[in-house]
């Protein structure tokens, strides 16, 4: 199933994308219907997904007078109100090699950081380059969405906690991140440089886990203004999806709707020769196998 959120920013409701190109609202299937839920409605859908799967599939396959053409609505982030957005840095061998010169020295644990929920955007919402940055960069990523929460989840059980997968772009203001790095590694501004509003576009849909038999066999690609930049496979991850979930759940309780970004392949802008950063007016296109295409335009904060 392809689950989506649709509507104005801050007022999205959950839906399912039908094969006929229309979106059926899922609010009526939730406990407490007929009141339509707000952005947190998708979290409730994910928490009850095992029980709701058959009704959702029946709704998507049958006649639905409430369905609307997908082109007639704004698609928001598939999970508009996650409790947490956890991201993994330096998790593709080829990316580690392009930023350090070698893939021989790998981290012993996933390198984790948190992105604020306010950084979320929909698959076609603009990414805004902040006034503080002239070095805006992209990172195409496989995003994992938690359906069944837990703490200290075993890697052998971890994929059973996944509701589904979607595309994410871990947008980065490199100059903000690295401004004081010459003074020492303690001055690395990860949260600031990766946390601006609009710096986490996701979508266009959440593909349920039953339709992704192997999350380590997906191709990730990025184009900037039609020119290819990234082309990698999730098989190149240092830590796979199951290992990441197990590691994250060591220190925090995961809940339905939490989002985990799993790292990016080689080909980011800072590693081009010369570096090729995003400019206002540029168009980014990102794809991951089976998860659709996310296309965003770069706007200016000025």
Protein backbone atom coordinates (compact mmCIF):
# COMPACT_ATOMS: atom_id res chain seq x y z
CA UNK A 1 0.00 0.00 0.00
CA UNK A 2 1.05 3.57 -0.67
CA UNK A 3 0.07 5.71 2.30
CA UNK A 4 0.08 9.48 1.93
CA UNK A 5 -0.81 12.62 3.83
CA UNK A 6 -2.62 15.36 1.96
CA UNK A 7 -3.89 18.85 2.60
CA UNK A 8 -2.52 22.22 3.64
CA UNK A 9 0.65 22.34 5.76
CA UNK A 10 -0.25 21.64 9.36
CA UNK A 11 -3.69 20.27 8.42
CA UNK A 12 -2.79 17.11 6.52
CA UNK A 13 -4.95 14.03 6.83
CA UNK A 14 -3.96 10.44 6.11
CA UNK A 15 -4.90 8.75 2.88
CA UNK A 16 -4.11 5.84 0.59
CA UNK A 17 -3.02 6.32 -3.01
CA UNK A 18 -5.19 4.20 -5.27
CA UNK A 19 -4.14 2.54 -8.51
CA UNK A 20 -6.51 4.89 -10.37
CA UNK A 21 -4.44 7.92 -9.30
CA UNK A 22 -6.87 9.14 -6.66
CA UNK A 23 -6.44 9.43 -2.90
CA UNK A 24 -8.95 7.91 -0.50
CA UNK A 25 -9.08 9.58 2.94
CA UNK A 26 -8.41 7.20 5.82
CA UNK A 27 -9.87 9.29 8.62
CA UNK A 28 -13.22 7.44 8.60
CA UNK A 29 -11.40 4.17 9.40
CA UNK A 30 -9.85 5.50 12.60
CA UNK A 31 -11.26 5.08 16.10
CA UNK A 32 -13.34 8.16 16.82
CA UNK A 33 -14.53 8.58 13.22
CA UNK A 34 -16.28 10.37 11.57
CA UNK A 35 -14.11 13.20 12.92
CA UNK A 36 -11.16 13.62 10.55
CA UNK A 37 -7.77 13.57 12.25
CA UNK A 38 -5.09 16.17 11.83
CA UNK A 39 -1.41 15.52 11.14
CA UNK A 40 -1.11 13.01 13.99
CA UNK A 41 -3.72 10.82 12.26
CA UNK A 42 -1.02 9.01 10.26
CA UNK A 43 0.69 7.97 13.50
CA UNK A 44 -2.59 6.41 14.61
CA UNK A 45 -2.95 4.64 11.27
CA UNK A 46 0.55 3.20 11.64
CA UNK A 47 -0.03 2.13 15.24
CA UNK A 48 -3.13 0.17 14.16
CA UNK A 49 -1.89 -0.89 10.73
CA UNK A 50 -2.16 -4.67 11.27
CA UNK A 51 -5.88 -4.33 12.09
CA UNK A 52 -6.50 -1.63 9.46
CA UNK A 53 -4.68 -3.29 6.57
CA UNK A 54 -7.67 -5.21 5.20
CA UNK A 55 -10.10 -2.24 5.48
CA UNK A 56 -7.56 0.06 3.81
CA UNK A 57 -6.97 -2.37 0.96
CA UNK A 58 -10.72 -2.77 0.48
CA UNK A 59 -11.19 0.99 0.46
CA UNK A 60 -8.39 1.45 -2.08
CA UNK A 61 -9.75 -1.23 -4.38
CA UNK A 62 -13.44 -0.36 -4.31
CA UNK A 63 -15.57 2.64 -5.22
CA UNK A 64 -15.01 5.65 -2.98
CA UNK A 65 -16.96 8.85 -3.62
CA UNK A 66 -14.66 10.68 -1.21
CA UNK A 67 -11.53 9.94 -3.27
CA UNK A 68 -9.84 12.92 -4.92
CA UNK A 69 -7.36 13.08 -7.83
CA UNK A 70 -3.82 13.16 -6.47
CA UNK A 71 -2.95 16.08 -8.78
CA UNK A 72 -5.74 18.12 -7.18
CA UNK A 73 -4.24 18.04 -3.68
CA UNK A 74 -0.99 18.94 -1.99
CA UNK A 75 0.90 15.87 -0.81
CA UNK A 76 2.51 16.57 2.53
CA UNK A 77 5.16 14.53 4.29
CA UNK A 78 3.71 11.01 4.57
CA UNK A 79 4.23 11.21 8.34
CA UNK A 80 3.54 14.89 9.18
CA UNK A 81 3.94 14.64 12.97
CA UNK A 82 6.65 12.13 13.91
CA UNK A 83 7.66 11.93 17.53
CA UNK A 84 11.29 11.85 16.43
CA UNK A 85 13.39 12.13 13.28
CA UNK A 86 16.68 10.29 13.79
CA UNK A 87 19.32 10.41 11.06
CA UNK A 88 22.44 8.38 10.43
CA UNK A 89 25.60 10.01 9.12
CA UNK A 90 28.50 8.41 7.24
CA UNK A 91 26.66 5.14 6.58
CA UNK A 92 27.60 4.37 2.95
CA UNK A 93 31.09 3.12 2.24
CA UNK A 94 31.38 5.06 -1.02
CA UNK A 95 30.23 8.25 0.71
CA UNK A 96 32.75 7.76 3.52
CA UNK A 97 35.46 7.36 0.89
CA UNK A 98 34.46 10.53 -0.95
CA UNK A 99 34.54 12.64 2.25
CA UNK A 100 37.56 11.07 3.97
CA UNK A 101 39.58 9.62 1.08
CA UNK A 102 39.25 6.04 2.34
CA UNK A 103 36.59 3.50 3.20
CA UNK A 104 38.94 1.54 5.45
CA UNK A 105 38.13 3.41 8.67
CA UNK A 106 34.46 2.72 9.43
CA UNK A 107 32.44 3.71 12.51
CA UNK A 108 31.88 1.05 15.17
CA UNK A 109 28.31 2.25 15.77
CA UNK A 110 25.83 4.18 13.62
CA UNK A 111 26.62 7.91 13.80
CA UNK A 112 23.32 9.42 14.94
CA UNK A 113 21.83 12.90 15.09
CA UNK A 114 18.35 14.34 15.44
CA UNK A 115 16.51 16.55 12.96
CA UNK A 116 13.61 18.70 14.25
CA UNK A 117 10.07 17.93 13.12
CA UNK A 118 9.88 21.51 11.83
CA UNK A 119 12.40 20.57 9.13
CA UNK A 120 9.82 18.30 7.46
CA UNK A 121 8.40 19.12 4.06
CA UNK A 122 6.29 17.44 1.44
CA UNK A 123 7.69 15.82 -1.72
CA UNK A 124 7.08 18.90 -3.87
CA UNK A 125 7.37 21.68 -1.31
CA UNK A 126 10.25 24.10 -1.90
CA UNK A 127 13.50 23.73 0.02
CA UNK A 128 14.47 27.17 1.30
CA UNK A 129 18.15 28.14 1.31
CA UNK A 130 18.57 30.17 4.50
CA UNK A 131 20.17 33.59 4.49
CA UNK A 132 23.04 32.19 6.59
CA UNK A 133 24.16 29.72 3.92
CA UNK A 134 25.70 29.82 0.46
CA UNK A 135 26.59 26.10 0.47
CA UNK A 136 23.32 24.18 0.38
CA UNK A 137 23.66 20.44 -0.25
CA UNK A 138 21.43 17.42 -0.87
CA UNK A 139 21.49 13.85 0.49
CA UNK A 140 19.09 11.30 -0.98
CA UNK A 141 18.18 8.77 1.72
CA UNK A 142 16.02 5.76 2.44
CA UNK A 143 13.74 6.69 5.33
CA UNK A 144 12.36 4.03 7.65
CA UNK A 145 9.03 4.61 9.42
CA UNK A 146 8.32 2.78 12.66
CA UNK A 147 4.98 1.00 13.01
CA UNK A 148 5.49 -1.02 16.19
CA UNK A 149 7.45 0.75 18.86
CA UNK A 150 9.83 -0.61 21.43
CA UNK A 151 13.05 -0.25 23.37
CA UNK A 152 16.20 -2.36 22.97
CA UNK A 153 14.83 -4.06 19.89
CA UNK A 154 16.91 -6.99 18.71
CA UNK A 155 18.28 -6.69 15.19
CA UNK A 156 16.76 -10.08 14.38
CA UNK A 157 13.29 -8.66 15.17
CA UNK A 158 13.81 -5.10 13.95
CA UNK A 159 12.23 -5.33 10.49
CA UNK A 160 9.01 -6.47 12.14
CA UNK A 161 8.81 -3.02 13.75
CA UNK A 162 8.86 -1.23 10.37
CA UNK A 163 5.60 0.15 8.98
CA UNK A 164 7.15 1.18 5.69
CA UNK A 165 9.70 3.17 3.73
CA UNK A 166 9.84 6.51 1.91
CA UNK A 167 12.32 8.86 0.25
CA UNK A 168 13.95 11.59 2.33
CA UNK A 169 16.40 14.38 1.55
CA UNK A 170 18.72 15.24 4.42
CA UNK A 171 19.36 18.80 3.27
CA UNK A 172 22.53 20.36 4.71
CA UNK A 173 23.93 23.87 4.97
CA UNK A 174 27.58 22.84 4.77
CA UNK A 175 29.04 26.24 5.61
CA UNK A 176 26.85 26.52 8.70
CA UNK A 177 27.91 23.05 9.81
CA UNK A 178 31.61 23.65 9.22
CA UNK A 179 31.93 27.32 10.14
CA UNK A 180 34.07 26.74 13.25
CA UNK A 181 35.33 23.24 12.55
CA UNK A 182 38.92 24.48 12.15
CA UNK A 183 38.82 25.42 15.83
CA UNK A 184 38.15 21.80 16.77
CA UNK A 185 35.70 18.93 16.26
CA UNK A 186 33.65 20.05 19.27
CA UNK A 187 32.40 22.99 17.17
CA UNK A 188 30.75 20.85 14.47
CA UNK A 189 27.24 22.34 14.06
CA UNK A 190 25.30 19.29 12.88
CA UNK A 191 21.90 20.14 14.37
CA UNK A 192 22.02 23.75 13.18
CA UNK A 193 23.30 22.95 9.68
CA UNK A 194 20.79 20.15 9.10
CA UNK A 195 17.86 21.47 11.09
CA UNK A 196 16.50 24.49 9.24
CA UNK A 197 12.83 24.56 8.27
CA UNK A 198 12.26 22.66 4.96
CA UNK A 199 15.51 20.66 5.40
CA UNK A 200 13.79 17.25 5.47
CA UNK A 201 11.49 16.74 2.47
CA UNK A 202 9.88 13.29 2.47
CA UNK A 203 7.51 11.39 0.21
CA UNK A 204 5.77 11.11 -2.10
CA UNK A 205 4.32 8.12 -0.26
CA UNK A 206 5.08 5.60 2.45
CA UNK A 207 5.30 2.14 0.88
CA UNK A 208 4.29 -0.47 3.44
CA UNK A 209 6.99 -2.90 4.51
CA UNK A 210 5.28 -5.93 2.99
CA UNK A 211 6.07 -4.48 -0.45
CA UNK A 212 9.79 -4.04 0.30
CA UNK A 213 11.13 -7.58 0.71
CA UNK A 214 14.75 -6.45 1.12
CA UNK A 215 15.54 -2.87 2.19
CA UNK A 216 19.21 -3.57 1.45
CA UNK A 217 18.54 -4.04 -2.27
CA UNK A 218 17.27 -0.59 -3.27
CA UNK A 219 18.77 1.90 -5.72
CA UNK A 220 18.97 5.58 -4.73
CA UNK A 221 19.45 8.32 -7.35
CA UNK A 222 19.63 12.11 -7.40
CA UNK A 223 19.55 14.58 -10.28
CA UNK A 224 20.12 18.35 -10.10
CA UNK A 225 18.54 20.21 -13.01
CA UNK A 226 18.45 16.91 -14.89
CA UNK A 227 22.16 16.13 -14.37
CA UNK A 228 22.91 12.91 -12.46
CA UNK A 229 24.66 13.31 -9.11
CA UNK A 230 24.01 10.29 -6.87
CA UNK A 231 23.59 6.67 -7.91
CA UNK A 232 24.06 4.10 -5.19
CA UNK A 233 22.50 1.08 -3.58
CA UNK A 234 21.43 0.42 0.00
CA UNK A 235 23.62 -2.69 -0.11
CA UNK A 236 26.53 -0.26 0.42
CA UNK A 237 25.32 0.68 3.90
CA UNK A 238 27.79 0.12 6.73
CA UNK A 239 24.86 -0.62 9.04
CA UNK A 240 21.70 -2.06 7.55
CA UNK A 241 18.17 -1.06 8.46
CA UNK A 242 17.79 -3.76 11.12
CA UNK A 243 21.09 -2.84 12.78
CA UNK A 244 20.17 0.86 12.78
CA UNK A 245 16.81 0.24 14.45
CA UNK A 246 18.46 -1.93 17.09
CA UNK A 247 21.11 0.73 17.74
CA UNK A 248 18.66 3.64 17.94
CA UNK A 249 16.38 1.72 20.29
CA UNK A 250 19.26 1.15 22.68
CA UNK A 251 19.02 4.74 23.90
CA UNK A 252 15.46 5.82 23.06
CA UNK A 253 12.02 4.27 22.92
CA UNK A 254 10.75 4.15 19.37
CA UNK A 255 7.07 4.91 18.76
CA UNK A 256 4.73 4.51 15.79
CA UNK A 257 5.41 7.27 13.30
CA UNK A 258 9.04 7.84 14.26
CA UNK A 259 11.25 8.33 11.21
CA UNK A 260 14.84 7.13 10.74
CA UNK A 261 17.01 8.42 7.87
CA UNK A 262 19.62 5.80 7.00
CA UNK A 263 22.43 7.72 5.28
CA UNK A 264 23.30 8.78 1.75
CA UNK A 265 25.34 7.36 -1.14
CA UNK A 266 28.30 9.07 -2.77
CA UNK A 267 27.78 12.06 -5.04
CA UNK A 268 26.84 14.89 -2.70
CA UNK A 269 27.54 18.45 -3.76
CA UNK A 270 30.42 19.12 -1.39
CA UNK A 271 32.35 16.22 -2.94
CA UNK A 272 32.06 17.40 -6.56
CA UNK A 273 35.17 18.89 -8.16
CA UNK A 274 34.70 21.77 -7.72
CA UNK A 275 31.94 21.60 -5.07
CA UNK A 276 28.51 22.07 -6.63
CA UNK A 277 26.03 23.56 -4.20
CA UNK A 278 22.35 24.22 -4.75
CA UNK A 279 21.17 27.61 -5.95
CA UNK A 280 17.69 29.18 -5.87
CA UNK A 281 15.77 27.94 -8.90
CA UNK A 282 17.54 24.57 -9.02
CA UNK A 283 15.31 21.50 -9.25
CA UNK A 284 16.16 18.35 -7.32
CA UNK A 285 14.80 14.96 -8.35
CA UNK A 286 15.26 11.97 -6.04
CA UNK A 287 14.21 8.37 -6.54
CA UNK A 288 14.44 5.17 -4.53
CA UNK A 289 13.35 1.81 -5.93
CA UNK A 290 9.59 1.40 -5.52
CA UNK A 291 9.18 4.59 -3.51
CA UNK A 292 8.37 6.96 -6.35
CA UNK A 293 9.98 10.27 -7.27
CA UNK A 294 10.38 13.34 -5.10
CA UNK A 295 10.94 16.62 -6.95
CA UNK A 296 11.65 19.85 -5.10
CA UNK A 297 12.69 23.33 -6.15
CA UNK A 298 15.23 25.43 -4.28
CA UNK A 299 13.95 28.79 -3.05
CA UNK A 300 15.70 31.68 -1.34
CA UNK A 301 15.13 32.97 2.18
CA UNK A 302 15.84 36.50 0.96
